[in-house]
C-alpha atoms as a PDB file:
ATOM      1  CA  MET A   1      38.810 163.320 159.990  1.00  0.00           C
ATOM      2  CA  ASP A   2      38.569 163.243 156.135  1.00  0.00           C
ATOM      3  CA  ALA A   3      37.175 166.692 155.796  1.00  0.00           C
ATOM      4  CA  LEU A   4      40.119 168.230 157.935  1.00  0.00           C
ATOM      5  CA  ILE A   5      42.733 166.318 155.716  1.00  0.00           C
ATOM      6  CA  LYS A   6      41.071 167.683 152.290  1.00  0.00           C
ATOM      7  CA  THR A   7      41.244 171.033 154.020  1.00  0.00           C
ATOM      8  CA  LEU A   8      44.772 170.853 154.699  1.00  0.00           C
ATOM      9  CA  LYS A   9      45.635 169.599 151.529  1.00  0.00           C
ATOM     10  CA  VAL A  10      43.888 172.432 149.900  1.00  0.00           C
ATOM     11  CA  LEU A  11      45.732 175.052 152.144  1.00  0.00           C
ATOM     12  CA  LEU A  12      48.889 173.602 151.018  1.00  0.00           C
ATOM     13  CA  ILE A  13      48.369 173.540 147.479  1.00  0.00           C
ATOM     14  CA  ARG A  14      47.243 177.120 147.839  1.00  0.00           C
ATOM     15  CA  LYS A  15      50.722 177.980 149.430  1.00  0.00           C
ATOM     16  CA  VAL A  16      52.401 176.214 146.889  1.00  0.00           C
ATOM     17  CA  ALA A  17      51.071 178.252 144.275  1.00  0.00           C
ATOM     18  CA  SER A  18      51.601 181.471 146.112  1.00  0.00           C
ATOM     19  CA  ARG A  19      55.459 180.023 146.360  1.00  0.00           C
ATOM     20  CA  ALA A  20      55.383 179.664 142.524  1.00  0.00           C
ATOM     21  CA  GLU A  21      54.485 182.973 141.933  1.00  0.00           C
ATOM     22  CA  GLU A  22      57.198 184.367 144.345  1.00  0.00           C
ATOM     23  CA  LEU A  23      59.764 182.339 142.587  1.00  0.00           C
ATOM     24  CA  VAL A  24      58.661 184.080 139.095  1.00  0.00           C
ATOM     25  CA  ARG A  25      58.879 187.529 140.655  1.00  0.00           C
ATOM     26  CA  GLU A  26      62.056 186.685 141.935  1.00  0.00           C
ATOM     27  CA  ALA A  27      63.479 185.522 138.884  1.00  0.00           C
ATOM     28  CA  GLN A  28      62.660 188.592 136.783  1.00  0.00           C
ATOM     29  CA  GLY A  29      65.426 190.463 138.701  1.00  0.00           C
ATOM     30  CA  THR A  30      68.032 187.956 137.778  1.00  0.00           C
ATOM     31  CA  GLN A  31      69.686 187.027 134.341  1.00  0.00           C
ATOM     32  CA  SER A  32      71.436 184.096 135.752  1.00  0.00           C
ATOM     33  CA  GLY A  33      70.056 180.852 134.901  1.00  0.00           C
ATOM     34  CA  LYS A  34      71.847 178.747 137.027  1.00  0.00           C
ATOM     35  CA  MET A  35      70.510 181.196 139.970  1.00  0.00           C
ATOM     36  CA  VAL A  36      66.993 180.508 138.961  1.00  0.00           C
ATOM     37  CA  LEU A  37      67.859 176.767 138.853  1.00  0.00           C
ATOM     38  CA  TYR A  38      69.731 176.843 142.456  1.00  0.00           C
ATOM     39  CA  LEU A  39      66.480 178.691 143.752  1.00  0.00           C
ATOM     40  CA  LEU A  40      64.155 176.658 142.297  1.00  0.00           C
ATOM     41  CA  ALA A  41      65.865 173.429 143.669  1.00  0.00           C
ATOM     42  CA  ARG A  42      66.325 175.099 147.398  1.00  0.00           C
ATOM     43  CA  GLU A  43      62.326 175.512 147.089  1.00  0.00           C
ATOM     44  CA  LEU A  44      61.581 172.032 145.725  1.00  0.00           C
ATOM     45  CA  GLY A  45      63.763 170.270 148.400  1.00  0.00           C
ATOM     46  CA  ALA A  46      61.910 172.325 151.205  1.00  0.00           C
ATOM     47  CA  LEU A  47      58.554 171.365 150.209  1.00  0.00           C
ATOM     48  CA  GLY A  48      59.984 167.284 149.580  1.00  0.00           C
ATOM     49  CA  PRO A  49      59.157 165.283 146.691  1.00  0.00           C
ATOM     50  CA  GLU A  50      55.465 165.228 147.800  1.00  0.00           C
ATOM     51  CA  LEU A  51      54.930 168.623 147.287  1.00  0.00           C
ATOM     52  CA  ALA A  52      57.461 169.067 144.616  1.00  0.00           C
ATOM     53  CA  PRO A  53      55.181 167.917 141.866  1.00  0.00           C
ATOM     54  CA  PHE A  54      52.529 170.698 142.485  1.00  0.00           C
ATOM     55  CA  LEU A  55      54.960 173.485 142.686  1.00  0.00           C
ATOM     56  CA  ILE A  56      56.076 172.335 138.993  1.00  0.00           C
ATOM     57  CA  ARG A  57      52.762 171.758 137.906  1.00  0.00           C
ATOM     58  CA  GLU A  58      51.999 175.506 138.878  1.00  0.00           C
ATOM     59  CA  LEU A  59      55.122 176.690 137.025  1.00  0.00           C
ATOM     60  CA  VAL A  60      53.486 174.989 133.937  1.00  0.00           C
ATOM     61  CA  MET A  61      49.945 175.820 134.023  1.00  0.00           C
ATOM     62  CA  GLY A  62      51.027 179.092 134.706  1.00  0.00           C
ATOM     63  CA  SER A  63      53.010 179.545 131.520  1.00  0.00           C
ATOM     64  CA  ALA A  64      50.129 177.606 129.661  1.00  0.00           C
ATOM     65  CA  ARG A  65      47.926 180.653 130.861  1.00  0.00           C
ATOM     66  CA  CYS A  66      50.425 183.066 129.861  1.00  0.00           C
ATOM     67  CA  ARG A  67      50.589 184.503 133.312  1.00  0.00           C
ATOM     68  CA  GLU A  68      53.327 187.358 133.674  1.00  0.00           C
ATOM     69  CA  GLY A  69      56.967 185.897 133.674  1.00  0.00           C
ATOM     70  CA  PHE A  70      55.589 181.887 133.727  1.00  0.00           C
ATOM     71  CA  PRO A  71      56.730 180.943 130.605  1.00  0.00           C
ATOM     72  CA  GLU A  72      60.257 182.458 130.393  1.00  0.00           C
ATOM     73  CA  TYR A  73      60.742 181.032 134.136  1.00  0.00           C
ATOM     74  CA  LEU A  74      59.561 177.456 132.781  1.00  0.00           C
ATOM     75  CA  ARG A  75      62.371 177.948 130.065  1.00  0.00           C
ATOM     76  CA  HIS A  76      64.749 177.259 132.654  1.00  0.00           C
ATOM     77  CA  LEU A  77      63.608 173.980 132.801  1.00  0.00           C
ATOM     78  CA  CYS A  78      65.100 173.121 129.447  1.00  0.00           C
ATOM     79  CA  ASP A  79      68.242 172.489 131.756  1.00  0.00           C
ATOM     80  CA  ILE A  80      66.760 169.793 133.820  1.00  0.00           C
ATOM     81  CA  ARG A  81      70.208 168.149 134.370  1.00  0.00           C
ATOM     82  CA  GLY A  82      71.124 171.311 136.104  1.00  0.00           C
ATOM     83  CA  LEU A  83      68.420 171.283 138.253  1.00  0.00           C
ATOM     84  CA  ALA A  84      69.157 167.696 139.479  1.00  0.00           C
ATOM     85  CA  CYS A  85      72.687 168.956 140.290  1.00  0.00           C
ATOM     86  CA  HIS A  86      71.264 170.576 142.778  1.00  0.00           C
ATOM     87  CA  THR A  87      68.524 168.606 144.039  1.00  0.00           C
ATOM     88  CA  GLY A  88      70.051 165.127 143.280  1.00  0.00           C
ATOM     89  CA  ASN A  89      68.790 162.453 141.113  1.00  0.00           C
ATOM     90  CA  ASP A  90      67.607 160.438 143.509  1.00  0.00           C
ATOM     91  CA  PHE A  91      65.326 163.059 144.694  1.00  0.00           C
ATOM     92  CA  MET A  92      64.213 164.150 141.345  1.00  0.00           C
ATOM     93  CA  SER A  93      63.415 160.304 140.437  1.00  0.00           C
ATOM     94  CA  GLU A  94      61.163 160.450 143.520  1.00  0.00           C
ATOM     95  CA  VAL A  95      59.572 163.781 142.496  1.00  0.00           C
ATOM     96  CA  LEU A  96      59.065 161.743 139.046  1.00  0.00           C
ATOM     97  CA  GLN A  97      57.349 158.928 140.624  1.00  0.00           C
ATOM     98  CA  ARG A  98      55.194 161.042 142.526  1.00  0.00           C
ATOM     99  CA  ALA A  99      54.053 163.065 139.557  1.00  0.00           C
ATOM    100  CA  ARG A 100      52.973 159.849 137.810  1.00  0.00           C
ATOM    101  CA  ARG A 101      51.192 158.894 140.792  1.00  0.00           C
ATOM    102  CA  TYR A 102      49.191 161.837 141.052  1.00  0.00           C
ATOM    103  CA  GLN A 103      48.686 161.759 137.323  1.00  0.00           C
ATOM    104  CA  MET A 104      50.250 164.899 136.436  1.00  0.00           C
ATOM    105  CA  ASP A 105      51.116 164.392 132.656  1.00  0.00           C
ATOM    106  CA  GLU A 106      52.583 168.053 132.236  1.00  0.00           C
ATOM    107  CA  VAL A 107      55.344 167.389 135.071  1.00  0.00           C
ATOM    108  CA  VAL A 108      55.928 163.694 133.760  1.00  0.00           C
ATOM    109  CA  GLU A 109      56.640 165.163 130.475  1.00  0.00           C
ATOM    110  CA  LEU A 110      59.143 167.614 131.627  1.00  0.00           C
ATOM    111  CA  LEU A 111      61.036 165.160 133.993  1.00  0.00           C
ATOM    112  CA  THR A 112      60.995 162.145 131.553  1.00  0.00           C
ATOM    113  CA  THR A 113      63.835 161.532 128.870  1.00  0.00           C
ATOM    114  CA  VAL A 114      61.830 160.274 125.873  1.00  0.00           C
ATOM    115  CA  PRO A 115      63.761 159.858 122.372  1.00  0.00           C
ATOM    116  CA  PRO A 116      63.234 162.304 119.842  1.00  0.00           C
ATOM    117  CA  GLN A 117      60.897 161.516 117.021  1.00  0.00           C
ATOM    118  CA  ARG A 118      63.689 161.398 114.941  1.00  0.00           C
ATOM    119  CA  ARG A 119      67.707 160.386 115.968  1.00  0.00           C
ATOM    120  CA  ILE A 120      71.170 160.287 114.246  1.00  0.00           C
ATOM    121  CA  TYR A 121      72.461 156.502 114.252  1.00  0.00           C
ATOM    122  CA  HIS A 122      75.518 156.964 112.192  1.00  0.00           C
ATOM    123  CA  THR A 123      78.057 159.630 112.778  1.00  0.00           C
ATOM    124  CA  ASP A 124      78.069 159.678 108.316  1.00  0.00           C
ATOM    125  CA  ASP A 125      75.065 161.520 108.561  1.00  0.00           C
ATOM    126  CA  THR A 126      76.335 164.425 110.438  1.00  0.00           C
ATOM    127  CA  GLU A 127      79.706 164.523 108.820  1.00  0.00           C
ATOM    128  CA  ARG A 128      78.173 164.734 105.249  1.00  0.00           C
ATOM    129  CA  ARG A 129      76.519 167.932 106.759  1.00  0.00           C
ATOM    130  CA  ASN A 130      79.589 169.033 108.238  1.00  0.00           C
ATOM    131  CA  PRO A 131      82.736 168.310 106.287  1.00  0.00           C
ATOM    132  CA  VAL A 132      84.900 170.347 108.606  1.00  0.00           C
ATOM    133  CA  GLN A 133      84.706 167.627 111.285  1.00  0.00           C
ATOM    134  CA  ASP A 134      86.495 165.180 108.858  1.00  0.00           C
ATOM    135  CA  TYR A 135      90.220 166.950 108.842  1.00  0.00           C
ATOM    136  CA  LEU A 136      89.909 169.345 111.666  1.00  0.00           C
ATOM    137  CA  PRO A 137      90.975 167.835 115.111  1.00  0.00           C
ATOM    138  CA  LEU A 138      88.670 168.915 118.090  1.00  0.00           C
ATOM    139  CA  GLY A 139      90.799 171.107 119.535  1.00  0.00           C
ATOM    140  CA  VAL A 140      91.518 173.231 116.516  1.00  0.00           C
ATOM    141  CA  ARG A 141      87.690 173.607 115.966  1.00  0.00           C
ATOM    142  CA  LYS A 142      86.863 174.545 119.394  1.00  0.00           C
ATOM    143  CA  SER A 143      89.721 177.545 118.764  1.00  0.00           C
ATOM    144  CA  LEU A 144      87.964 178.297 115.587  1.00  0.00           C
ATOM    145  CA  ALA A 145      84.525 178.647 117.651  1.00  0.00           C
ATOM    146  CA  ARG A 146      86.144 181.616 119.885  1.00  0.00           C
ATOM    147  CA  LYS A 147      87.618 183.448 116.799  1.00  0.00           C
ATOM    148  CA  GLN A 148      85.976 186.660 115.319  1.00  0.00           C
ATOM    149  CA  GLN A 149      86.296 185.633 111.855  1.00  0.00           C
ATOM    150  CA  ALA A 150      82.560 185.127 110.510  1.00  0.00           C
ATOM    151  CA  GLY A 151      83.918 182.710 107.648  1.00  0.00           C
ATOM    152  CA  SER A 152      85.318 180.499 110.600  1.00  0.00           C
ATOM    153  CA  LEU A 153      82.028 180.748 112.523  1.00  0.00           C
ATOM    154  CA  GLU A 154      80.026 179.747 109.410  1.00  0.00           C
ATOM    155  CA  ALA A 155      81.933 176.803 108.735  1.00  0.00           C
ATOM    156  CA  LEU A 156      81.217 175.416 112.052  1.00  0.00           C
ATOM    157  CA  LEU A 157      77.291 175.581 111.905  1.00  0.00           C
ATOM    158  CA  GLY A 158      76.932 172.114 111.202  1.00  0.00           C
ATOM    159  CA  GLU A 159      78.994 171.404 114.212  1.00  0.00           C
ATOM    160  CA  GLN A 160      77.920 168.112 116.490  1.00  0.00           C
ATOM    161  CA  ASN A 161      80.413 168.442 119.273  1.00  0.00           C
ATOM    162  CA  PRO A 162      78.606 170.038 122.236  1.00  0.00           C
ATOM    163  CA  SER A 163      82.039 171.650 123.607  1.00  0.00           C
ATOM    164  CA  VAL A 164      82.677 173.546 120.318  1.00  0.00           C
ATOM    165  CA  ILE A 165      79.060 174.511 120.076  1.00  0.00           C
ATOM    166  CA  ARG A 166      79.251 176.120 123.691  1.00  0.00           C
ATOM    167  CA  ASN A 167      82.181 178.255 122.530  1.00  0.00           C
ATOM    168  CA  LEU A 168      80.522 179.111 119.187  1.00  0.00           C
ATOM    169  CA  LEU A 169      76.994 180.265 121.185  1.00  0.00           C
ATOM    170  CA  GLY A 170      79.321 182.439 123.451  1.00  0.00           C
ATOM    171  CA  ASN A 171      81.127 184.220 120.661  1.00  0.00           C
ATOM    172  CA  PRO A 172      80.177 187.662 120.417  1.00  0.00           C
ATOM    173  CA  ARG A 173      80.310 187.638 116.413  1.00  0.00           C
ATOM    174  CA  THR A 174      77.815 184.936 116.632  1.00  0.00           C
ATOM    175  CA  VAL A 175      74.556 186.168 115.153  1.00  0.00           C
ATOM    176  CA  GLU A 176      70.462 185.189 115.778  1.00  0.00           C
ATOM    177  CA  GLU A 177      70.553 183.732 112.301  1.00  0.00           C
ATOM    178  CA  MET A 178      73.202 181.690 112.752  1.00  0.00           C
ATOM    179  CA  VAL A 179      71.594 180.188 115.866  1.00  0.00           C
ATOM    180  CA  VAL A 180      68.252 179.684 113.955  1.00  0.00           C
ATOM    181  CA  LYS A 181      70.189 177.729 111.072  1.00  0.00           C
ATOM    182  CA  MET A 182      71.974 175.647 113.948  1.00  0.00           C
ATOM    183  CA  ALA A 183      68.527 175.007 115.693  1.00  0.00           C
ATOM    184  CA  SER A 184      66.781 174.072 112.352  1.00  0.00           C
ATOM    185  CA  LEU A 185      69.609 171.785 111.135  1.00  0.00           C
ATOM    186  CA  ARG A 186      68.302 168.250 110.323  1.00  0.00           C
ATOM    187  CA  PRO A 187      69.994 165.562 111.295  1.00  0.00           C
ATOM    188  CA  THR A 188      71.533 166.721 114.253  1.00  0.00           C
ATOM    189  CA  SER A 189      72.165 165.547 117.641  1.00  0.00           C
ATOM    190  CA  GLU A 190      70.523 166.143 120.556  1.00  0.00           C
ATOM    191  CA  GLU A 191      73.108 167.232 122.698  1.00  0.00           C
ATOM    192  CA  VAL A 192      73.578 170.337 120.072  1.00  0.00           C
ATOM    193  CA  LEU A 193      70.070 171.268 120.518  1.00  0.00           C
ATOM    194  CA  GLU A 194      69.983 170.997 124.150  1.00  0.00           C
ATOM    195  CA  GLU A 195      73.296 173.322 124.495  1.00  0.00           C
ATOM    196  CA  ILE A 196      71.204 175.837 122.208  1.00  0.00           C
ATOM    197  CA  ALA A 197      67.986 175.595 124.523  1.00  0.00           C
ATOM    198  CA  ILE A 198      69.909 175.866 127.830  1.00  0.00           C
ATOM    199  CA  HIS A 199      71.941 179.097 126.473  1.00  0.00           C
ATOM    200  CA  PRO A 200      71.016 181.952 128.480  1.00  0.00           C
ATOM    201  CA  LYS A 201      71.196 184.591 125.474  1.00  0.00           C
ATOM    202  CA  TRP A 202      70.084 182.070 122.720  1.00  0.00           C
ATOM    203  CA  GLY A 203      67.707 179.957 124.432  1.00  0.00           C
ATOM    204  CA  ALA A 204      65.515 183.334 125.351  1.00  0.00           C
ATOM    205  CA  SER A 205      65.255 184.276 121.862  1.00  0.00           C
ATOM    206  CA  GLN A 206      61.842 183.625 120.237  1.00  0.00           C
ATOM    207  CA  ARG A 207      62.807 182.675 116.745  1.00  0.00           C
ATOM    208  CA  VAL A 208      65.536 180.091 118.330  1.00  0.00           C
ATOM    209  CA  ARG A 209      63.044 178.277 120.553  1.00  0.00           C
ATOM    210  CA  LYS A 210      60.675 177.973 117.755  1.00  0.00           C
ATOM    211  CA  ALA A 211      63.112 176.163 115.267  1.00  0.00           C
ATOM    212  CA  LEU A 212      64.089 174.182 118.391  1.00  0.00           C
ATOM    213  CA  ALA A 213      60.159 173.241 119.071  1.00  0.00           C
ATOM    214  CA  PHE A 214      59.895 172.223 115.275  1.00  0.00           C
ATOM    215  CA  ASN A 215      63.037 170.496 114.981  1.00  0.00           C
ATOM    216  CA  PRO A 216      62.178 166.476 115.159  1.00  0.00           C
ATOM    217  CA  TYR A 217      65.413 165.802 116.360  1.00  0.00           C
ATOM    218  CA  THR A 218      64.898 168.111 119.744  1.00  0.00           C
ATOM    219  CA  PRO A 219      64.405 165.978 122.721  1.00  0.00           C
ATOM    220  CA  PRO A 220      60.459 166.034 123.869  1.00  0.00           C
ATOM    221  CA  ARG A 221      61.471 166.911 127.371  1.00  0.00           C
ATOM    222  CA  THR A 222      63.244 169.941 126.129  1.00  0.00           C
ATOM    223  CA  VAL A 223      60.393 171.026 123.564  1.00  0.00           C
ATOM    224  CA  HIS A 224      57.705 170.959 126.683  1.00  0.00           C
ATOM    225  CA  ALA A 225      59.791 173.422 128.668  1.00  0.00           C
ATOM    226  CA  ILE A 226      59.751 175.377 125.285  1.00  0.00           C
ATOM    227  CA  LEU A 227      56.141 175.065 124.082  1.00  0.00           C
ATOM    228  CA  PRO A 228      54.469 177.746 126.461  1.00  0.00           C
ATOM    229  CA  THR A 229      56.788 180.361 125.166  1.00  0.00           C
ATOM    230  CA  LEU A 230      55.290 180.182 121.339  1.00  0.00           C
ATOM    231  CA  MET A 231      52.388 181.938 120.275  1.00  0.00           C
ATOM    232  CA  LEU A 232      49.150 180.429 119.490  1.00  0.00           C
ATOM    233  CA  GLN A 233      49.442 179.991 115.661  1.00  0.00           C
ATOM    234  CA  ASP A 234      52.790 178.410 116.417  1.00  0.00           C
ATOM    235  CA  LEU A 235      50.967 175.952 118.785  1.00  0.00           C
ATOM    236  CA  MET A 236      48.215 175.097 116.159  1.00  0.00           C
ATOM    237  CA  ASP A 237      50.877 174.504 113.609  1.00  0.00           C
ATOM    238  CA  ALA A 238      52.759 172.146 116.294  1.00  0.00           C
ATOM    239  CA  THR A 239      49.934 170.175 116.664  1.00  0.00           C
ATOM    240  CA  MET A 240      49.328 169.425 112.769  1.00  0.00           C
ATOM    241  CA  SER A 241      53.384 168.798 112.073  1.00  0.00           C
ATOM    242  CA  PRO A 242      53.785 164.922 111.633  1.00  0.00           C
ATOM    243  CA  THR A 243      57.229 165.011 112.032  1.00  0.00           C
ATOM    244  CA  LEU A 244      56.706 165.938 115.653  1.00  0.00           C
ATOM    245  CA  HIS A 245      56.656 163.492 118.598  1.00  0.00           C
ATOM    246  CA  PRO A 246      53.257 162.529 119.374  1.00  0.00           C
ATOM    247  CA  ASN A 247      53.320 163.695 123.186  1.00  0.00           C
ATOM    248  CA  VAL A 248      54.601 167.257 121.833  1.00  0.00           C
ATOM    249  CA  ARG A 249      51.597 167.210 119.573  1.00  0.00           C
ATOM    250  CA  ALA A 250      49.085 166.551 122.327  1.00  0.00           C
ATOM    251  CA  ALA A 251      50.492 169.211 124.539  1.00  0.00           C
ATOM    252  CA  ALA A 252      50.303 171.533 122.181  1.00  0.00           C
ATOM    253  CA  LYS A 253      46.491 171.033 121.857  1.00  0.00           C
ATOM    254  CA  ARG A 254      46.149 171.370 125.703  1.00  0.00           C
ATOM    255  CA  LEU A 255      48.342 174.508 125.902  1.00  0.00           C
ATOM    256  CA  ILE A 256      45.451 175.882 123.072  1.00  0.00           C
ATOM    257  CA  ILE A 257      43.075 174.750 125.250  1.00  0.00           C
ATOM    258  CA  HIS A 258      44.021 176.764 128.038  1.00  0.00           C
ATOM    259  CA  ARG A 259      44.961 179.708 125.794  1.00  0.00           C
ATOM    260  CA  VAL A 260      41.380 179.767 124.275  1.00  0.00           C
ATOM    261  CA  ALA A 261      39.857 179.192 127.831  1.00  0.00           C
ATOM    262  CA  GLY A 262      41.912 182.424 129.126  1.00  0.00           C
ATOM    263  CA  MET A 263      40.563 184.716 126.473  1.00  0.00           C
ATOM    264  CA  SER A 264      37.920 187.205 127.129  1.00  0.00           C
ATOM    265  CA  PRO A 265      34.285 186.431 125.242  1.00  0.00           C
ATOM    266  CA  LYS A 266      35.055 188.936 122.292  1.00  0.00           C
ATOM    267  CA  GLU A 267      38.565 187.839 122.009  1.00  0.00           C
ATOM    268  CA  LYS A 268      37.100 184.084 121.682  1.00  0.00           C
ATOM    269  CA  GLU A 269      34.751 185.287 119.019  1.00  0.00           C
ATOM    270  CA  GLN A 270      37.389 186.898 117.048  1.00  0.00           C
ATOM    271  CA  PHE A 271      39.649 183.906 117.365  1.00  0.00           C
ATOM    272  CA  ASN A 272      36.923 181.479 116.257  1.00  0.00           C
ATOM    273  CA  HIS A 273      36.110 183.742 113.309  1.00  0.00           C
ATOM    274  CA  ARG A 274      39.865 183.668 112.024  1.00  0.00           C
ATOM    275  CA  CYS A 275      40.902 180.232 112.948  1.00  0.00           C
ATOM    276  CA  GLY A 276      37.641 178.162 113.604  1.00  0.00           C
ATOM    277  CA  GLY A 277      38.553 175.772 110.489  1.00  0.00           C
ATOM    278  CA  MET A 278      41.785 174.983 111.951  1.00  0.00           C
ATOM    279  CA  LEU A 279      40.461 174.291 115.426  1.00  0.00           C
ATOM    280  CA  LYS A 280      38.187 172.013 113.164  1.00  0.00           C
ATOM    281  CA  ARG A 281      40.838 170.249 111.875  1.00  0.00           C
ATOM    282  CA  ILE A 282      43.313 170.198 115.320  1.00  0.00           C
ATOM    283  CA  PHE A 283      40.322 168.599 117.396  1.00  0.00           C
ATOM    284  CA  LEU A 284      38.144 166.711 114.974  1.00  0.00           C
ATOM    285  CA  GLU A 285      40.136 165.297 112.385  1.00  0.00           C
ATOM    286  CA  THR A 286      43.279 164.669 114.415  1.00  0.00           C
ATOM    287  CA  GLY A 287      41.435 163.210 117.443  1.00  0.00           C
END
């Protein structure tokens, strides 16, 4: 009887893995992050909280191994609140409990809200970086964020209100360099960085994602959805960054292991020749 149960469990997990591939393929034909989250939520609901963690883990592991389309798909999980809007908070809480029971650290990290390494505790910290907030009402700043004048937009790059940032990100005159500055700003608020991460255009930018991942004010849960989309060298740099959250550095190490494991013998030899010294520092000196 036990053997039959184990066999059925293996078959179910394989079915879930197959469904993860189908979801990623379907997502490649749409530009709408909201649609991606809706379809994922529907699939999670169909699987139920017992199997839902396995589907999320397949998406994470496919991203870790750089399978086609998987890292881009996982990026949409920066908007975990958007996913919970479709599934319900109670359902996601139960999925998280199951993931903890199954010891799926990768899934737990994506679903758990952990304070960032650094946080803003005083509004004066941000106001000094953005004097515009001192004398312009919120409605005026939101209007300025929609205007086409470059000077008006530049003055708002230190903005801390998410609604103003949303307008700024959607402005056709906003360019990547501006968004990278916003994503790199320190100190800044978690809400602003989350707005950037979930934006359909700027959240897909490699430079913006890297800036978000290396900003100690970005919530770790958001960074865990971004890490698999980064280059291998960026992951190595992340493990050595003292400003990043410890569980972010640990996740970067796991991703390095998966990336190296997926290399051919020749690629591994070349990689060890180029980066052997740094790998030694990462895995021996930092633990």
